[in-house]
Amino acid sequence: MPAIMTMLADHAARQLLDFSQKLDINLLDNVVNCLYHGEGAQQRMAQEVLTHLKEHPDAWTRVDTILEFSQNMNTKYYGLQILENVIKTRWKILP
């Protein structure tokens, strides 16, 4: 795997998982596009980044932004998957 791809994936993951900053919808759309349209290592890295985001305890707080501002239907579907995961696993302990 080229080093530049690893660096870009690390940057994307750090930025998407930094809940102290506003969610970068364009970056999220790009990562989702890599998952659906990329190949090989690019697709695996996108899957890894999206899985980490989906499993983050505060990911559900980003769903409204994803649904409102993303123009990518696959990204919106991903947002709904985050919400579904939280409802199934953490519904009773949400603040």
PDB file of N, CA and C in Angstrom:
ATOM      1  N   MET A   1       0.852  -1.175   0.000  1.00  0.00           N
ATOM      2  CA  MET A   1       0.000   0.000   0.000  1.00  0.00           C
ATOM      3  C   MET A   1       0.898   1.240   0.000  1.00  0.00           C
ATOM      4  N   PRO A   2       0.690   2.148  -0.930  1.00  0.00           N
ATOM      5  CA  PRO A   2       1.523   3.348  -0.978  1.00  0.00           C
ATOM      6  C   PRO A   2       1.401   4.171   0.301  1.00  0.00           C
ATOM      7  N   ALA A   3       2.515   4.751   0.694  1.00  0.00           N
ATOM      8  CA  ALA A   3       2.549   5.530   1.933  1.00  0.00           C
ATOM      9  C   ALA A   3       1.593   6.713   1.881  1.00  0.00           C
ATOM     10  N   ILE A   4       1.448   7.336   0.718  1.00  0.00           N
ATOM     11  CA  ILE A   4       0.567   8.505   0.608  1.00  0.00           C
ATOM     12  C   ILE A   4      -0.885   8.114   0.885  1.00  0.00           C
ATOM     13  N   MET A   5      -1.289   6.929   0.438  1.00  0.00           N
ATOM     14  CA  MET A   5      -2.661   6.480   0.693  1.00  0.00           C
ATOM     15  C   MET A   5      -2.885   6.251   2.178  1.00  0.00           C
ATOM     16  N   THR A   6      -1.895   5.696   2.836  1.00  0.00           N
ATOM     17  CA  THR A   6      -1.996   5.472   4.275  1.00  0.00           C
ATOM     18  C   THR A   6      -2.095   6.799   5.011  1.00  0.00           C
ATOM     19  N   MET A   7      -1.290   7.765   4.603  1.00  0.00           N
ATOM     20  CA  MET A   7      -1.327   9.090   5.228  1.00  0.00           C
ATOM     21  C   MET A   7      -2.687   9.747   5.018  1.00  0.00           C
ATOM     22  N   LEU A   8      -3.236   9.655   3.814  1.00  0.00           N
ATOM     23  CA  LEU A   8      -4.541  10.247   3.532  1.00  0.00           C
ATOM     24  C   LEU A   8      -5.636   9.570   4.349  1.00  0.00           C
ATOM     25  N   ALA A   9      -5.562   8.259   4.477  1.00  0.00           N
ATOM     26  CA  ALA A   9      -6.554   7.535   5.273  1.00  0.00           C
ATOM     27  C   ALA A   9      -6.453   7.931   6.741  1.00  0.00           C
ATOM     28  N   ASP A  10      -5.242   8.056   7.251  1.00  0.00           N
ATOM     29  CA  ASP A  10      -5.052   8.476   8.639  1.00  0.00           C
ATOM     30  C   ASP A  10      -5.596   9.880   8.860  1.00  0.00           C
ATOM     31  N   HIS A  11      -5.325  10.774   7.913  1.00  0.00           N
ATOM     32  CA  HIS A  11      -5.825  12.150   8.012  1.00  0.00           C
ATOM     33  C   HIS A  11      -7.352  12.157   8.004  1.00  0.00           C
ATOM     34  N   ALA A  12      -7.952  11.409   7.089  1.00  0.00           N
ATOM     35  CA  ALA A  12      -9.413  11.351   6.998  1.00  0.00           C
ATOM     36  C   ALA A  12     -10.003  10.798   8.289  1.00  0.00           C
ATOM     37  N   ALA A  13      -9.420   9.739   8.797  1.00  0.00           N
ATOM     38  CA  ALA A  13      -9.919   9.137  10.033  1.00  0.00           C
ATOM     39  C   ALA A  13      -9.816  10.115  11.192  1.00  0.00           C
ATOM     40  N   ARG A  14      -8.670  10.762  11.336  1.00  0.00           N
ATOM     41  CA  ARG A  14      -8.496  11.731  12.428  1.00  0.00           C
ATOM     42  C   ARG A  14      -9.511  12.858  12.321  1.00  0.00           C
ATOM     43  N   GLN A  15      -9.692  13.383  11.130  1.00  0.00           N
ATOM     44  CA  GLN A  15     -10.601  14.512  10.952  1.00  0.00           C
ATOM     45  C   GLN A  15     -12.055  14.097  11.186  1.00  0.00           C
ATOM     46  N   LEU A  16     -12.455  12.950  10.680  1.00  0.00           N
ATOM     47  CA  LEU A  16     -13.837  12.509  10.852  1.00  0.00           C
ATOM     48  C   LEU A  16     -14.135  12.087  12.286  1.00  0.00           C
ATOM     49  N   LEU A  17     -13.119  11.651  13.014  1.00  0.00           N
ATOM     50  CA  LEU A  17     -13.318  11.214  14.394  1.00  0.00           C
ATOM     51  C   LEU A  17     -13.080  12.315  15.420  1.00  0.00           C
ATOM     52  N   ASP A  18     -12.725  13.507  14.966  1.00  0.00           N
ATOM     53  CA  ASP A  18     -12.518  14.637  15.872  1.00  0.00           C
ATOM     54  C   ASP A  18     -13.863  15.328  16.098  1.00  0.00           C
ATOM     55  N   PHE A  19     -14.517  14.977  17.182  1.00  0.00           N
ATOM     56  CA  PHE A  19     -15.849  15.492  17.457  1.00  0.00           C
ATOM     57  C   PHE A  19     -15.830  16.901  18.038  1.00  0.00           C
ATOM     58  N   SER A  20     -14.647  17.482  18.205  1.00  0.00           N
ATOM     59  CA  SER A  20     -14.569  18.873  18.646  1.00  0.00           C
ATOM     60  C   SER A  20     -14.675  19.824  17.456  1.00  0.00           C
ATOM     61  N   GLN A  21     -14.616  19.282  16.243  1.00  0.00           N
ATOM     62  CA  GLN A  21     -14.720  20.090  15.030  1.00  0.00           C
ATOM     63  C   GLN A  21     -16.000  19.755  14.286  1.00  0.00           C
ATOM     64  N   LYS A  22     -16.409  20.693  13.449  1.00  0.00           N
ATOM     65  CA  LYS A  22     -17.574  20.486  12.596  1.00  0.00           C
ATOM     66  C   LYS A  22     -17.279  19.349  11.617  1.00  0.00           C
ATOM     67  N   LEU A  23     -18.275  18.525  11.351  1.00  0.00           N
ATOM     68  CA  LEU A  23     -18.113  17.402  10.430  1.00  0.00           C
ATOM     69  C   LEU A  23     -17.885  17.915   9.009  1.00  0.00           C
ATOM     70  N   ASP A  24     -16.866  17.400   8.370  1.00  0.00           N
ATOM     71  CA  ASP A  24     -16.558  17.745   6.982  1.00  0.00           C
ATOM     72  C   ASP A  24     -17.346  16.793   6.077  1.00  0.00           C
ATOM     73  N   ILE A  25     -18.503  17.255   5.620  1.00  0.00           N
ATOM     74  CA  ILE A  25     -19.385  16.416   4.803  1.00  0.00           C
ATOM     75  C   ILE A  25     -18.712  16.019   3.499  1.00  0.00           C
ATOM     76  N   ASN A  26     -17.969  16.933   2.885  1.00  0.00           N
ATOM     77  CA  ASN A  26     -17.287  16.601   1.626  1.00  0.00           C
ATOM     78  C   ASN A  26     -16.285  15.469   1.822  1.00  0.00           C
ATOM     79  N   LEU A  27     -15.552  15.511   2.924  1.00  0.00           N
ATOM     80  CA  LEU A  27     -14.600  14.441   3.217  1.00  0.00           C
ATOM     81  C   LEU A  27     -15.336  13.118   3.433  1.00  0.00           C
ATOM     82  N   LEU A  28     -16.414  13.159   4.192  1.00  0.00           N
ATOM     83  CA  LEU A  28     -17.190  11.942   4.423  1.00  0.00           C
ATOM     84  C   LEU A  28     -17.746  11.398   3.107  1.00  0.00           C
ATOM     85  N   ASP A  29     -18.274  12.279   2.259  1.00  0.00           N
ATOM     86  CA  ASP A  29     -18.768  11.849   0.944  1.00  0.00           C
ATOM     87  C   ASP A  29     -17.657  11.196   0.127  1.00  0.00           C
ATOM     88  N   ASN A  30     -16.464  11.769   0.182  1.00  0.00           N
ATOM     89  CA  ASN A  30     -15.334  11.201  -0.565  1.00  0.00           C
ATOM     90  C   ASN A  30     -14.952   9.816  -0.050  1.00  0.00           C
ATOM     91  N   VAL A  31     -14.957   9.652   1.260  1.00  0.00           N
ATOM     92  CA  VAL A  31     -14.621   8.344   1.837  1.00  0.00           C
ATOM     93  C   VAL A  31     -15.690   7.317   1.458  1.00  0.00           C
ATOM     94  N   VAL A  32     -16.952   7.713   1.525  1.00  0.00           N
ATOM     95  CA  VAL A  32     -18.033   6.803   1.133  1.00  0.00           C
ATOM     96  C   VAL A  32     -17.915   6.452  -0.349  1.00  0.00           C
ATOM     97  N   ASN A  33     -17.591   7.428  -1.180  1.00  0.00           N
ATOM     98  CA  ASN A  33     -17.401   7.155  -2.612  1.00  0.00           C
ATOM     99  C   ASN A  33     -16.256   6.172  -2.840  1.00  0.00           C
ATOM    100  N   CYS A  34     -15.197   6.301  -2.050  1.00  0.00           N
ATOM    101  CA  CYS A  34     -14.080   5.348  -2.157  1.00  0.00           C
ATOM    102  C   CYS A  34     -14.543   3.937  -1.818  1.00  0.00           C
ATOM    103  N   LEU A  35     -15.435   3.831  -0.847  1.00  0.00           N
ATOM    104  CA  LEU A  35     -15.942   2.517  -0.469  1.00  0.00           C
ATOM    105  C   LEU A  35     -16.736   1.888  -1.616  1.00  0.00           C
ATOM    106  N   TYR A  36     -17.577   2.675  -2.248  1.00  0.00           N
ATOM    107  CA  TYR A  36     -18.460   2.136  -3.286  1.00  0.00           C
ATOM    108  C   TYR A  36     -17.815   2.071  -4.667  1.00  0.00           C
ATOM    109  N   HIS A  37     -16.856   2.952  -4.934  1.00  0.00           N
ATOM    110  CA  HIS A  37     -16.297   3.022  -6.286  1.00  0.00           C
ATOM    111  C   HIS A  37     -14.799   2.759  -6.349  1.00  0.00           C
ATOM    112  N   GLY A  38     -14.153   2.645  -5.192  1.00  0.00           N
ATOM    113  CA  GLY A  38     -12.717   2.385  -5.169  1.00  0.00           C
ATOM    114  C   GLY A  38     -12.430   0.912  -5.398  1.00  0.00           C
ATOM    115  N   GLU A  39     -11.156   0.602  -5.396  1.00  0.00           N
ATOM    116  CA  GLU A  39     -10.733  -0.783  -5.593  1.00  0.00           C
ATOM    117  C   GLU A  39      -9.625  -1.122  -4.605  1.00  0.00           C
ATOM    118  N   GLY A  40      -9.570  -2.372  -4.230  1.00  0.00           N
ATOM    119  CA  GLY A  40      -8.460  -2.892  -3.445  1.00  0.00           C
ATOM    120  C   GLY A  40      -8.205  -2.151  -2.150  1.00  0.00           C
ATOM    121  N   ALA A  41      -6.968  -1.685  -2.007  1.00  0.00           N
ATOM    122  CA  ALA A  41      -6.522  -1.041  -0.766  1.00  0.00           C
ATOM    123  C   ALA A  41      -7.326   0.214  -0.461  1.00  0.00           C
ATOM    124  N   GLN A  42      -7.665   0.962  -1.495  1.00  0.00           N
ATOM    125  CA  GLN A  42      -8.444   2.189  -1.305  1.00  0.00           C
ATOM    126  C   GLN A  42      -9.805   1.855  -0.678  1.00  0.00           C
ATOM    127  N   GLN A  43     -10.428   0.821  -1.169  1.00  0.00           N
ATOM    128  CA  GLN A  43     -11.727   0.399  -0.658  1.00  0.00           C
ATOM    129  C   GLN A  43     -11.609  -0.116   0.782  1.00  0.00           C
ATOM    130  N   ARG A  44     -10.566  -0.881   1.059  1.00  0.00           N
ATOM    131  CA  ARG A  44     -10.353  -1.398   2.421  1.00  0.00           C
ATOM    132  C   ARG A  44     -10.120  -0.265   3.418  1.00  0.00           C
ATOM    133  N   MET A  45      -9.341   0.738   3.019  1.00  0.00           N
ATOM    134  CA  MET A  45      -9.088   1.869   3.915  1.00  0.00           C
ATOM    135  C   MET A  45     -10.367   2.649   4.180  1.00  0.00           C
ATOM    136  N   ALA A  46     -11.171   2.849   3.149  1.00  0.00           N
ATOM    137  CA  ALA A  46     -12.444   3.551   3.327  1.00  0.00           C
ATOM    138  C   ALA A  46     -13.333   2.777   4.295  1.00  0.00           C
ATOM    139  N   GLN A  47     -13.383   1.467   4.142  1.00  0.00           N
ATOM    140  CA  GLN A  47     -14.192   0.635   5.038  1.00  0.00           C
ATOM    141  C   GLN A  47     -13.707   0.759   6.478  1.00  0.00           C
ATOM    142  N   GLU A  48     -12.406   0.766   6.660  1.00  0.00           N
ATOM    143  CA  GLU A  48     -11.838   0.884   8.005  1.00  0.00           C
ATOM    144  C   GLU A  48     -12.194   2.221   8.643  1.00  0.00           C
ATOM    145  N   VAL A  49     -12.052   3.307   7.892  1.00  0.00           N
ATOM    146  CA  VAL A  49     -12.376   4.644   8.410  1.00  0.00           C
ATOM    147  C   VAL A  49     -13.857   4.711   8.777  1.00  0.00           C
ATOM    148  N   LEU A  50     -14.723   4.233   7.896  1.00  0.00           N
ATOM    149  CA  LEU A  50     -16.162   4.299   8.143  1.00  0.00           C
ATOM    150  C   LEU A  50     -16.576   3.408   9.309  1.00  0.00           C
ATOM    151  N   THR A  51     -15.928   2.275   9.468  1.00  0.00           N
ATOM    152  CA  THR A  51     -16.229   1.396  10.598  1.00  0.00           C
ATOM    153  C   THR A  51     -15.843   2.064  11.909  1.00  0.00           C
ATOM    154  N   HIS A  52     -14.667   2.697  11.952  1.00  0.00           N
ATOM    155  CA  HIS A  52     -14.246   3.403  13.173  1.00  0.00           C
ATOM    156  C   HIS A  52     -15.223   4.520  13.514  1.00  0.00           C
ATOM    157  N   LEU A  53     -15.661   5.255  12.509  1.00  0.00           N
ATOM    158  CA  LEU A  53     -16.614   6.333  12.762  1.00  0.00           C
ATOM    159  C   LEU A  53     -17.943   5.767  13.260  1.00  0.00           C
ATOM    160  N   LYS A  54     -18.421   4.736  12.628  1.00  0.00           N
ATOM    161  CA  LYS A  54     -19.709   4.136  13.002  1.00  0.00           C
ATOM    162  C   LYS A  54     -19.685   3.597  14.429  1.00  0.00           C
ATOM    163  N   GLU A  55     -18.539   3.078  14.865  1.00  0.00           N
ATOM    164  CA  GLU A  55     -18.422   2.491  16.198  1.00  0.00           C
ATOM    165  C   GLU A  55     -18.110   3.516  17.288  1.00  0.00           C
ATOM    166  N   HIS A  56     -17.847   4.750  16.903  1.00  0.00           N
ATOM    167  CA  HIS A  56     -17.547   5.792  17.891  1.00  0.00           C
ATOM    168  C   HIS A  56     -18.798   6.057  18.735  1.00  0.00           C
ATOM    169  N   PRO A  57     -18.654   6.169  20.056  1.00  0.00           N
ATOM    170  CA  PRO A  57     -19.822   6.359  20.928  1.00  0.00           C
ATOM    171  C   PRO A  57     -20.650   7.609  20.618  1.00  0.00           C
ATOM    172  N   ASP A  58     -20.037   8.626  20.034  1.00  0.00           N
ATOM    173  CA  ASP A  58     -20.758   9.862  19.733  1.00  0.00           C
ATOM    174  C   ASP A  58     -21.130  10.008  18.262  1.00  0.00           C
ATOM    175  N   ALA A  59     -20.963   8.958  17.489  1.00  0.00           N
ATOM    176  CA  ALA A  59     -21.246   9.042  16.052  1.00  0.00           C
ATOM    177  C   ALA A  59     -22.694   9.439  15.784  1.00  0.00           C
ATOM    178  N   TRP A  60     -23.607   9.010  16.627  1.00  0.00           N
ATOM    179  CA  TRP A  60     -25.024   9.311  16.417  1.00  0.00           C
ATOM    180  C   TRP A  60     -25.298  10.810  16.417  1.00  0.00           C
ATOM    181  N   THR A  61     -24.439  11.588  17.068  1.00  0.00           N
ATOM    182  CA  THR A  61     -24.656  13.039  17.117  1.00  0.00           C
ATOM    183  C   THR A  61     -24.373  13.707  15.776  1.00  0.00           C
ATOM    184  N   ARG A  62     -23.790  12.976  14.843  1.00  0.00           N
ATOM    185  CA  ARG A  62     -23.471  13.516  13.514  1.00  0.00           C
ATOM    186  C   ARG A  62     -24.525  13.174  12.464  1.00  0.00           C
ATOM    187  N   VAL A  63     -25.458  12.305  12.807  1.00  0.00           N
ATOM    188  CA  VAL A  63     -26.412  11.811  11.813  1.00  0.00           C
ATOM    189  C   VAL A  63     -27.267  12.935  11.240  1.00  0.00           C
ATOM    190  N   ASP A  64     -27.704  13.868  12.078  1.00  0.00           N
ATOM    191  CA  ASP A  64     -28.538  14.960  11.559  1.00  0.00           C
ATOM    192  C   ASP A  64     -27.799  15.782  10.512  1.00  0.00           C
ATOM    193  N   THR A  65     -26.522  16.048  10.749  1.00  0.00           N
ATOM    194  CA  THR A  65     -25.706  16.797   9.789  1.00  0.00           C
ATOM    195  C   THR A  65     -25.533  16.006   8.498  1.00  0.00           C
ATOM    196  N   ILE A  66     -25.293  14.719   8.624  1.00  0.00           N
ATOM    197  CA  ILE A  66     -25.121  13.870   7.442  1.00  0.00           C
ATOM    198  C   ILE A  66     -26.389  13.885   6.600  1.00  0.00           C
ATOM    199  N   LEU A  67     -27.532  13.689   7.243  1.00  0.00           N
ATOM    200  CA  LEU A  67     -28.791  13.625   6.497  1.00  0.00           C
ATOM    201  C   LEU A  67     -29.171  14.969   5.889  1.00  0.00           C
ATOM    202  N   GLU A  68     -28.846  16.048   6.580  1.00  0.00           N
ATOM    203  CA  GLU A  68     -29.235  17.372   6.081  1.00  0.00           C
ATOM    204  C   GLU A  68     -28.332  17.890   4.971  1.00  0.00           C
ATOM    205  N   PHE A  69     -27.034  17.670   5.089  1.00  0.00           N
ATOM    206  CA  PHE A  69     -26.106  18.354   4.189  1.00  0.00           C
ATOM    207  C   PHE A  69     -25.462  17.486   3.112  1.00  0.00           C
ATOM    208  N   SER A  70     -25.454  16.191   3.269  1.00  0.00           N
ATOM    209  CA  SER A  70     -24.849  15.354   2.237  1.00  0.00           C
ATOM    210  C   SER A  70     -25.782  15.257   1.036  1.00  0.00           C
ATOM    211  N   GLN A  71     -25.201  15.319  -0.148  1.00  0.00           N
ATOM    212  CA  GLN A  71     -25.964  15.152  -1.384  1.00  0.00           C
ATOM    213  C   GLN A  71     -25.830  13.727  -1.917  1.00  0.00           C
ATOM    214  N   ASN A  72     -25.021  12.923  -1.240  1.00  0.00           N
ATOM    215  CA  ASN A  72     -24.737  11.561  -1.673  1.00  0.00           C
ATOM    216  C   ASN A  72     -25.688  10.597  -0.959  1.00  0.00           C
ATOM    217  N   MET A  73     -26.492   9.880  -1.714  1.00  0.00           N
ATOM    218  CA  MET A  73     -27.453   8.949  -1.114  1.00  0.00           C
ATOM    219  C   MET A  73     -26.760   7.828  -0.336  1.00  0.00           C
ATOM    220  N   ASN A  74     -25.592   7.401  -0.788  1.00  0.00           N
ATOM    221  CA  ASN A  74     -24.852   6.372  -0.053  1.00  0.00           C
ATOM    222  C   ASN A  74     -24.392   6.891   1.301  1.00  0.00           C
ATOM    223  N   THR A  75     -24.015   8.166   1.372  1.00  0.00           N
ATOM    224  CA  THR A  75     -23.610   8.763   2.641  1.00  0.00           C
ATOM    225  C   THR A  75     -24.810   8.887   3.569  1.00  0.00           C
ATOM    226  N   LYS A  76     -25.944   9.269   3.030  1.00  0.00           N
ATOM    227  CA  LYS A  76     -27.158   9.358   3.848  1.00  0.00           C
ATOM    228  C   LYS A  76     -27.524   7.975   4.402  1.00  0.00           C
ATOM    229  N   TYR A  77     -27.399   6.963   3.566  1.00  0.00           N
ATOM    230  CA  TYR A  77     -27.669   5.594   4.012  1.00  0.00           C
ATOM    231  C   TYR A  77     -26.698   5.201   5.130  1.00  0.00           C
ATOM    232  N   TYR A  78     -25.439   5.583   4.982  1.00  0.00           N
ATOM    233  CA  TYR A  78     -24.440   5.322   6.020  1.00  0.00           C
ATOM    234  C   TYR A  78     -24.856   6.000   7.335  1.00  0.00           C
ATOM    235  N   GLY A  79     -25.336   7.238   7.247  1.00  0.00           N
ATOM    236  CA  GLY A  79     -25.817   7.938   8.438  1.00  0.00           C
ATOM    237  C   GLY A  79     -26.956   7.187   9.115  1.00  0.00           C
ATOM    238  N   LEU A  80     -27.864   6.664   8.317  1.00  0.00           N
ATOM    239  CA  LEU A  80     -28.968   5.881   8.879  1.00  0.00           C
ATOM    240  C   LEU A  80     -28.473   4.583   9.509  1.00  0.00           C
ATOM    241  N   GLN A  81     -27.409   4.009   8.957  1.00  0.00           N
ATOM    242  CA  GLN A  81     -26.823   2.806   9.558  1.00  0.00           C
ATOM    243  C   GLN A  81     -26.232   3.124  10.928  1.00  0.00           C
ATOM    244  N   ILE A  82     -25.624   4.303  11.066  1.00  0.00           N
ATOM    245  CA  ILE A  82     -25.097   4.731  12.369  1.00  0.00           C
ATOM    246  C   ILE A  82     -26.244   4.787  13.374  1.00  0.00           C
ATOM    247  N   LEU A  83     -27.334   5.421  12.971  1.00  0.00           N
ATOM    248  CA  LEU A  83     -28.488   5.566  13.853  1.00  0.00           C
ATOM    249  C   LEU A  83     -29.083   4.205  14.216  1.00  0.00           C
ATOM    250  N   GLU A  84     -29.194   3.332  13.246  1.00  0.00           N
ATOM    251  CA  GLU A  84     -29.717   1.988  13.497  1.00  0.00           C
ATOM    252  C   GLU A  84     -28.835   1.243  14.504  1.00  0.00           C
ATOM    253  N   ASN A  85     -27.528   1.354  14.346  1.00  0.00           N
ATOM    254  CA  ASN A  85     -26.591   0.692  15.249  1.00  0.00           C
ATOM    255  C   ASN A  85     -26.757   1.202  16.680  1.00  0.00           C
ATOM    256  N   VAL A  86     -26.916   2.497  16.844  1.00  0.00           N
ATOM    257  CA  VAL A  86     -27.083   3.075  18.183  1.00  0.00           C
ATOM    258  C   VAL A  86     -28.401   2.620  18.801  1.00  0.00           C
ATOM    259  N   ILE A  87     -29.459   2.616  18.006  1.00  0.00           N
ATOM    260  CA  ILE A  87     -30.762   2.189  18.524  1.00  0.00           C
ATOM    261  C   ILE A  87     -30.708   0.732  18.981  1.00  0.00           C
ATOM    262  N   LYS A  88     -30.057  -0.109  18.213  1.00  0.00           N
ATOM    263  CA  LYS A  88     -29.983  -1.534  18.549  1.00  0.00           C
ATOM    264  C   LYS A  88     -29.086  -1.819  19.746  1.00  0.00           C
ATOM    265  N   THR A  89     -28.030  -1.027  19.925  1.00  0.00           N
ATOM    266  CA  THR A  89     -27.035  -1.378  20.940  1.00  0.00           C
ATOM    267  C   THR A  89     -26.995  -0.460  22.157  1.00  0.00           C
ATOM    268  N   ARG A  90     -27.432   0.796  22.012  1.00  0.00           N
ATOM    269  CA  ARG A  90     -27.224   1.734  23.113  1.00  0.00           C
ATOM    270  C   ARG A  90     -28.450   2.569  23.454  1.00  0.00           C
ATOM    271  N   TRP A  91     -29.595   2.216  22.962  1.00  0.00           N
ATOM    272  CA  TRP A  91     -30.788   3.040  23.090  1.00  0.00           C
ATOM    273  C   TRP A  91     -31.088   3.405  24.548  1.00  0.00           C
ATOM    274  N   LYS A  92     -30.999   2.460  25.451  1.00  0.00           N
ATOM    275  CA  LYS A  92     -31.391   2.699  26.843  1.00  0.00           C
ATOM    276  C   LYS A  92     -30.373   3.503  27.634  1.00  0.00           C
ATOM    277  N   ILE A  93     -29.170   3.652  27.112  1.00  0.00           N
ATOM    278  CA  ILE A  93     -28.155   4.386  27.871  1.00  0.00           C
ATOM    279  C   ILE A  93     -27.826   5.745  27.267  1.00  0.00           C
ATOM    280  N   LEU A  94     -28.557   6.160  26.226  1.00  0.00           N
ATOM    281  CA  LEU A  94     -28.301   7.472  25.627  1.00  0.00           C
ATOM    282  C   LEU A  94     -28.701   8.576  26.594  1.00  0.00           C
ATOM    283  N   PRO A  95     -27.979   9.696  26.543  1.00  0.00           N
ATOM    284  CA  PRO A  95     -28.319  10.807  27.440  1.00  0.00           C
ATOM    285  C   PRO A  95     -29.639  11.452  27.074  1.00  0.00           C
TER     286      PRO A  95
END
